Protein backbone atom coordinates (compact mmCIF):
# COMPACT_ATOMS: atom_id res chain seq x y z
CA UNK A 1 103.52 104.42 79.82
CA UNK A 2 101.87 107.69 80.74
CA UNK A 3 102.73 109.24 84.07
CA UNK A 4 102.24 112.60 85.73
CA UNK A 5 102.18 114.40 82.40
CA UNK A 6 99.30 112.51 80.80
CA UNK A 7 96.63 114.73 79.31
CA UNK A 8 92.93 114.41 80.06
CA UNK A 9 92.32 112.97 76.59
CA UNK A 10 95.00 110.31 77.12
CA UNK A 11 93.66 109.40 80.55
CA UNK A 12 89.94 109.30 79.78
CA UNK A 13 87.29 109.77 82.44
CA UNK A 14 87.50 106.55 84.44
CA UNK A 15 89.22 106.69 87.85
CA UNK A 16 90.65 103.24 87.10
CA UNK A 17 92.21 104.71 83.96
CA UNK A 18 94.21 107.00 86.22
CA UNK A 19 95.52 104.05 88.24
CA UNK A 20 96.47 102.20 85.07
CA UNK A 21 98.70 105.09 84.06
CA UNK A 22 100.81 104.96 87.23
CA UNK A 23 104.26 103.35 87.19
CA UNK A 24 104.16 99.65 88.14
CA UNK A 25 105.44 100.09 91.72
CA UNK A 26 102.88 102.79 92.46
CA UNK A 27 100.10 100.80 90.83
CA UNK A 28 100.90 97.69 92.87
CA UNK A 29 100.82 99.56 96.21
CA UNK A 30 97.46 101.14 95.31
CA UNK A 31 96.06 97.70 94.43
CA UNK A 32 97.61 96.11 97.53
CA UNK A 33 96.04 98.73 99.82
CA UNK A 34 92.90 100.33 98.44
CA UNK A 35 91.63 97.54 96.20
CA UNK A 36 92.64 94.69 98.54
CA UNK A 37 91.64 96.38 101.79
CA UNK A 38 95.05 96.01 103.43
CA UNK A 39 96.88 98.39 105.69
CA UNK A 40 100.13 99.83 104.42
CA UNK A 41 102.04 97.50 106.77
CA UNK A 42 100.14 94.44 105.48
CA UNK A 43 100.69 95.51 101.87
CA UNK A 44 104.40 95.95 102.55
CA UNK A 45 104.60 92.41 103.90
CA UNK A 46 102.73 90.99 100.87
CA UNK A 47 104.93 92.93 98.45
CA UNK A 48 108.14 92.06 100.30
CA UNK A 49 109.15 95.66 100.94
CA UNK A 50 109.78 97.69 104.07
CA UNK A 51 106.75 99.51 105.53
CA UNK A 52 108.53 102.85 105.06
CA UNK A 53 109.00 102.06 101.36
CA UNK A 54 105.32 101.12 101.05
CA UNK A 55 104.27 104.39 102.69
CA UNK A 56 106.54 106.40 100.38
CA UNK A 57 105.22 104.64 97.26
CA UNK A 58 101.63 105.09 98.39
CA UNK A 59 102.22 108.79 99.07
CA UNK A 60 103.79 109.28 95.63
CA UNK A 61 101.00 107.30 93.94
CA UNK A 62 98.29 109.35 95.62
CA UNK A 63 100.11 112.57 94.76
CA UNK A 64 100.39 111.51 91.11
CA UNK A 65 96.72 110.43 90.99
CA UNK A 66 95.69 113.79 92.43
CA UNK A 67 97.80 115.58 89.84
CA UNK A 68 96.31 113.56 86.97
CA UNK A 69 92.75 114.06 88.28
CA UNK A 70 93.33 117.80 88.50
CA UNK A 71 94.06 117.81 84.76
CA UNK A 72 90.72 116.23 83.82
CA UNK A 73 88.20 118.58 82.23
CA UNK A 74 85.86 120.10 84.84
CA UNK A 75 82.85 118.43 83.26
CA UNK A 76 84.17 114.91 83.78
CA UNK A 77 84.99 115.60 87.44
CA UNK A 78 81.50 117.02 88.02
CA UNK A 79 79.86 114.04 86.32
CA UNK A 80 81.75 111.62 88.56
CA UNK A 81 80.79 113.57 91.68
CA UNK A 82 77.11 113.54 90.74
CA UNK A 83 77.25 109.81 89.96
CA UNK A 84 78.89 109.02 93.30
CA UNK A 85 76.30 111.03 95.24
CA UNK A 86 73.33 109.33 93.60
């Protein structure tokens, strides 16, 4: 399982590829919030964890995603930005 130290080649260019490289607990909180449209409190209830734990996992997941995205080649980040704006 790749984590914070994955290279751009290992990750690929898809944002979902970044999520797939997170540890399981971080991946599940991302899916339970962003992809399922739940609040952190709702996601915590669904996952059976304390809201504070959910917030901590979400923070760490977002930090790790940001780190991985920062390691992507500049060209792939620019291509995604143009595609999102169109």
